[in-house]
């Protein structure tokens, strides 16, 4: 599935986790390009996070028990939801659907993705509906990967959750200043209190990311030995299913739908702009 205009090209692979395999501006990759004919969602450009983001400790919460859903990357915990491992149905132009009623979540749900092309980028909509007769926990997000070479990330955040050895948050601490995001050390944490837009600069262009307010948390993954980094707008902290109060996941009532949107906008920089 390909959407394009004068400046923007967006390629979507419904059969590979409902993922994006390319997002380009004037031929330049804004997300990292997936390999040609890619069938591995973990090598895609961007994939959906539904019905939760990141990890749920030891694949259990409350009375719910299951097994790790993607043991090749996370042998202990649930990770990234069910949507990124599924083949999504094509409902219409730029509209995908994922229907789930399996052992990896306490109740059935349907998720939708809508890809809305704009002159300078695109809007990524994702939604979830509780198809059952009992409330279910719900979370949403997306997992874009960005080219690291010559990139500069600018984001304002108030705090972060420090992970323990099991990669599950143990303690929140305030941020007095922003880390050197692409300085060569591993960053793999969930951050809170994002203020304003997220900006990523490359020599020729700038990307501005504008998540909805419900996408209140930001997972940032900067592996030092890879040619990409990730900035993930999400609705909740890591392992929120095992938290209470303001750190808990949202409970979705039977028949209730929740939707969020992230806008990606690109402009020229330097001599071109």
Protein backbone atom coordinates (compact mmCIF):
# COMPACT_ATOMS: atom_id res chain seq x y z
CA UNK A 1 0.00 0.00 0.00
CA UNK A 2 1.61 3.26 -1.16
CA UNK A 3 0.50 6.84 -0.50
CA UNK A 4 2.34 9.77 -2.07
CA UNK A 5 2.25 13.41 -3.07
CA UNK A 6 4.86 15.85 -4.42
CA UNK A 7 7.10 15.59 -1.33
CA UNK A 8 5.92 12.61 0.72
CA UNK A 9 5.99 8.86 0.17
CA UNK A 10 4.49 6.44 2.69
CA UNK A 11 4.58 2.66 2.20
CA UNK A 12 2.47 0.43 4.46
CA UNK A 13 2.67 -3.35 4.90
CA UNK A 14 -0.61 -4.68 6.34
CA UNK A 15 0.67 -8.27 6.32
CA UNK A 16 3.75 -7.40 8.40
CA UNK A 17 2.27 -6.18 11.65
CA UNK A 18 0.33 -3.35 10.03
CA UNK A 19 3.67 -1.58 9.82
CA UNK A 20 5.12 1.29 7.84
CA UNK A 21 8.07 0.19 5.72
CA UNK A 22 9.05 3.65 4.42
CA UNK A 23 8.32 7.31 5.15
CA UNK A 24 10.31 9.57 2.85
CA UNK A 25 10.48 13.32 2.20
CA UNK A 26 11.73 14.29 -1.26
CA UNK A 27 13.27 10.83 -1.49
CA UNK A 28 15.10 11.07 1.84
CA UNK A 29 14.22 8.58 4.61
CA UNK A 30 12.47 10.22 7.57
CA UNK A 31 11.91 6.83 9.19
CA UNK A 32 14.63 4.24 8.55
CA UNK A 33 13.76 2.27 5.42
CA UNK A 34 12.82 -1.35 5.91
CA UNK A 35 14.64 -3.85 3.69
CA UNK A 36 13.00 -4.44 0.34
CA UNK A 37 10.23 -7.08 0.57
CA UNK A 38 10.65 -7.03 4.36
CA UNK A 39 8.72 -9.69 6.29
CA UNK A 40 10.20 -9.02 9.74
CA UNK A 41 8.25 -6.36 11.64
CA UNK A 42 11.25 -5.70 13.89
CA UNK A 43 13.11 -4.36 10.84
CA UNK A 44 10.24 -2.13 9.75
CA UNK A 45 10.11 1.67 9.84
CA UNK A 46 7.26 2.04 12.32
CA UNK A 47 4.77 -0.37 13.87
CA UNK A 48 1.66 -0.09 16.08
CA UNK A 49 1.64 -0.71 19.82
CA UNK A 50 -1.73 -2.14 20.85
CA UNK A 51 -3.24 -3.04 23.34
CA UNK A 52 -0.20 -1.89 25.34
CA UNK A 53 3.24 -0.36 24.95
CA UNK A 54 6.61 -1.88 25.79
CA UNK A 55 6.89 -4.51 28.58
CA UNK A 56 4.52 -6.15 31.04
CA UNK A 57 6.57 -7.87 33.73
CA UNK A 58 6.77 -11.65 33.52
CA UNK A 59 3.67 -11.81 31.27
CA UNK A 60 1.21 -11.37 34.13
CA UNK A 61 -0.85 -8.84 36.04
CA UNK A 62 -3.70 -9.30 38.52
CA UNK A 63 -5.29 -12.68 37.84
CA UNK A 64 -4.11 -12.69 34.21
CA UNK A 65 -1.30 -15.07 33.22
CA UNK A 66 0.17 -15.86 29.81
CA UNK A 67 3.63 -16.43 28.27
CA UNK A 68 6.11 -14.05 26.58
CA UNK A 69 4.73 -13.16 23.16
CA UNK A 70 8.03 -12.36 21.41
CA UNK A 71 10.74 -14.41 23.19
CA UNK A 72 13.37 -13.78 20.51
CA UNK A 73 13.67 -10.18 21.74
CA UNK A 74 12.12 -10.43 25.22
CA UNK A 75 12.32 -13.87 26.88
CA UNK A 76 10.81 -12.82 30.24
CA UNK A 77 8.05 -10.31 29.62
CA UNK A 78 5.20 -9.44 27.32
CA UNK A 79 6.27 -6.77 24.86
CA UNK A 80 4.68 -4.30 22.42
CA UNK A 81 1.20 -5.86 22.28
CA UNK A 82 -0.42 -8.18 19.76
CA UNK A 83 -0.85 -5.86 16.79
CA UNK A 84 2.78 -5.79 15.67
CA UNK A 85 2.80 -9.60 15.35
CA UNK A 86 -0.44 -9.83 13.35
CA UNK A 87 -1.48 -9.57 9.74
CA UNK A 88 -3.84 -6.59 9.53
CA UNK A 89 -6.92 -6.56 7.32
CA UNK A 90 -7.25 -3.84 4.69
CA UNK A 91 -10.62 -2.14 5.24
CA UNK A 92 -10.21 0.75 2.83
CA UNK A 93 -7.62 3.05 1.36
CA UNK A 94 -5.08 3.71 4.15
CA UNK A 95 -7.32 1.97 6.72
CA UNK A 96 -6.25 -1.24 8.51
CA UNK A 97 -7.98 -3.43 11.10
CA UNK A 98 -6.71 -5.94 13.68
CA UNK A 99 -9.29 -8.14 15.46
CA UNK A 100 -8.00 -10.02 18.51
CA UNK A 101 -9.57 -12.64 20.77
CA UNK A 102 -6.70 -14.77 22.05
CA UNK A 103 -4.75 -15.79 25.14
CA UNK A 104 -2.44 -12.76 25.32
CA UNK A 105 -5.05 -10.30 26.60
CA UNK A 106 -7.91 -10.49 29.14
CA UNK A 107 -10.62 -9.71 26.59
CA UNK A 108 -11.33 -9.32 22.86
CA UNK A 109 -10.77 -6.04 21.06
CA UNK A 110 -10.56 -4.51 17.60
CA UNK A 111 -7.90 -2.00 16.62
CA UNK A 112 -7.84 0.33 13.63
CA UNK A 113 -5.07 2.31 11.99
CA UNK A 114 -5.66 5.24 9.63
CA UNK A 115 -2.88 6.89 7.64
CA UNK A 116 -3.73 10.44 6.58
CA UNK A 117 -1.31 11.99 4.08
CA UNK A 118 -0.60 15.73 4.38
CA UNK A 119 1.36 18.07 2.10
CA UNK A 120 4.32 18.00 4.53
CA UNK A 121 3.98 14.56 6.14
CA UNK A 122 1.27 12.36 7.53
CA UNK A 123 -1.00 11.73 10.53
CA UNK A 124 -0.96 8.31 12.15
CA UNK A 125 -4.26 7.43 13.83
CA UNK A 126 -4.64 4.33 16.00
CA UNK A 127 -7.74 3.21 17.90
CA UNK A 128 -8.94 0.35 20.08
CA UNK A 129 -12.49 -0.86 20.85
CA UNK A 130 -13.40 -3.26 23.66
CA UNK A 131 -15.40 -6.06 22.00
CA UNK A 132 -16.11 -7.94 25.23
CA UNK A 133 -18.62 -7.67 28.05
CA UNK A 134 -16.08 -6.77 30.75
CA UNK A 135 -13.67 -3.83 31.10
CA UNK A 136 -10.16 -4.44 29.76
CA UNK A 137 -6.90 -2.54 30.26
CA UNK A 138 -5.87 -0.66 27.14
CA UNK A 139 -2.90 1.27 25.86
CA UNK A 140 -1.82 2.69 22.51
CA UNK A 141 1.30 3.95 20.83
CA UNK A 142 3.59 3.71 17.82
CA UNK A 143 7.22 2.63 17.45
CA UNK A 144 9.00 4.68 14.76
CA UNK A 145 12.70 4.16 13.96
CA UNK A 146 14.77 7.12 12.76
CA UNK A 147 18.09 7.23 10.83
CA UNK A 148 20.81 8.07 13.32
CA UNK A 149 23.49 9.51 11.03
CA UNK A 150 23.82 13.30 11.49
CA UNK A 151 20.58 13.41 13.51
CA UNK A 152 19.90 15.78 16.40
CA UNK A 153 16.97 15.10 18.76
CA UNK A 154 15.32 17.96 20.63
CA UNK A 155 12.70 17.12 23.25
CA UNK A 156 11.69 18.58 26.62
CA UNK A 157 10.84 16.10 29.41
CA UNK A 158 10.38 16.43 33.17
CA UNK A 159 11.40 12.97 34.39
CA UNK A 160 12.15 9.34 33.65
CA UNK A 161 11.61 5.89 35.10
CA UNK A 162 14.84 4.05 35.90
CA UNK A 163 14.79 0.40 34.87
CA UNK A 164 16.04 -2.40 37.08
CA UNK A 165 18.10 -5.33 35.81
CA UNK A 166 14.89 -6.96 34.55
CA UNK A 167 14.22 -3.89 32.31
CA UNK A 168 11.12 -3.02 34.37
CA UNK A 169 10.87 0.48 35.91
CA UNK A 170 11.81 0.66 39.57
CA UNK A 171 12.12 4.37 40.40
CA UNK A 172 11.11 7.73 38.94
CA UNK A 173 13.55 10.63 38.99
CA UNK A 174 13.28 14.24 37.75
CA UNK A 175 15.36 15.45 34.83
CA UNK A 176 17.21 18.70 35.49
CA UNK A 177 18.61 18.69 31.95
CA UNK A 178 18.17 16.57 28.87
CA UNK A 179 20.63 13.71 28.26
CA UNK A 180 22.92 13.65 25.26
CA UNK A 181 20.51 11.48 23.37
CA UNK A 182 22.82 10.30 20.61
CA UNK A 183 26.09 10.55 22.50
CA UNK A 184 27.02 6.88 22.40
CA UNK A 185 25.51 5.47 25.62
CA UNK A 186 22.49 3.15 25.71
CA UNK A 187 19.20 4.86 26.47
CA UNK A 188 16.17 2.57 26.86
CA UNK A 189 13.66 4.14 29.21
CA UNK A 190 10.23 5.70 29.46
CA UNK A 191 10.08 9.46 30.05
CA UNK A 192 7.31 11.63 31.50
CA UNK A 193 6.18 15.23 31.32
CA UNK A 194 6.83 15.92 27.66
CA UNK A 195 6.37 19.61 26.87
CA UNK A 196 5.66 20.81 23.37
CA UNK A 197 6.68 19.23 20.11
CA UNK A 198 9.45 16.72 19.41
CA UNK A 199 11.98 17.80 16.78
CA UNK A 200 14.59 15.81 14.91
CA UNK A 201 17.03 17.64 12.63
CA UNK A 202 19.15 16.26 9.82
CA UNK A 203 21.32 18.49 7.60
CA UNK A 204 18.67 18.87 4.90
CA UNK A 205 15.36 18.61 6.76
CA UNK A 206 13.57 18.85 10.10
CA UNK A 207 10.88 16.50 11.38
CA UNK A 208 8.37 17.80 13.92
CA UNK A 209 6.38 15.19 15.84
CA UNK A 210 3.11 16.28 17.43
CA UNK A 211 1.45 13.56 19.54
CA UNK A 212 -2.01 13.90 21.10
CA UNK A 213 -2.16 14.75 24.79
CA UNK A 214 -3.25 11.17 25.59
CA UNK A 215 0.16 10.04 24.31
CA UNK A 216 1.58 11.40 27.55
CA UNK A 217 4.69 9.20 27.84
CA UNK A 218 7.69 8.84 25.55
CA UNK A 219 9.83 5.72 25.26
CA UNK A 220 13.27 6.59 23.90
CA UNK A 221 15.58 3.84 22.68
CA UNK A 222 19.06 4.82 21.50
CA UNK A 223 21.26 1.74 21.07
CA UNK A 224 24.89 2.86 20.72
CA UNK A 225 25.88 0.24 18.15
CA UNK A 226 23.00 0.64 15.68
CA UNK A 227 22.26 3.04 12.84
CA UNK A 228 18.83 4.03 14.19
CA UNK A 229 17.11 5.35 17.30
CA UNK A 230 13.48 5.30 18.43
CA UNK A 231 11.20 7.95 19.91
CA UNK A 232 7.85 6.35 20.75
CA UNK A 233 4.77 8.38 21.74
CA UNK A 234 2.72 6.12 24.04
CA UNK A 235 -0.19 6.43 26.46
CA UNK A 236 1.37 4.86 29.55
CA UNK A 237 4.56 3.89 31.35
CA UNK A 238 6.31 0.54 31.00
CA UNK A 239 4.55 -2.20 33.03
CA UNK A 240 1.55 0.05 33.67
CA UNK A 241 -0.67 -3.05 33.84
CA UNK A 242 0.95 -3.78 37.22
CA UNK A 243 0.58 -0.21 38.52
CA UNK A 244 -2.19 1.69 40.22
CA UNK A 245 -3.42 5.25 40.34
CA UNK A 246 -2.08 7.68 37.76
CA UNK A 247 0.55 5.13 36.61
CA UNK A 248 -2.03 2.45 35.73
CA UNK A 249 -3.36 1.61 32.31
CA UNK A 250 -6.73 2.96 31.24
CA UNK A 251 -9.71 0.61 31.68
CA UNK A 252 -11.85 0.45 28.56
CA UNK A 253 -15.54 -0.23 29.15
CA UNK A 254 -17.45 -2.77 27.01
CA UNK A 255 -18.08 -1.21 23.60
CA UNK A 256 -15.87 1.80 24.33
CA UNK A 257 -13.46 3.11 21.68
CA UNK A 258 -10.29 5.10 22.38
CA UNK A 259 -8.28 6.75 19.61
CA UNK A 260 -5.08 8.81 19.43
CA UNK A 261 -3.17 10.58 16.69
CA UNK A 262 0.44 11.58 15.99
CA UNK A 263 1.30 14.07 13.27
CA UNK A 264 4.66 13.97 11.49
CA UNK A 265 5.60 17.17 9.63
CA UNK A 266 8.78 17.74 7.56
CA UNK A 267 10.32 21.01 6.33
CA UNK A 268 13.56 21.82 4.53
CA UNK A 269 16.64 23.09 6.33
CA UNK A 270 19.92 24.66 5.23
CA UNK A 271 20.50 25.86 1.65
CA UNK A 272 17.34 24.11 0.43
CA UNK A 273 15.09 25.89 2.91
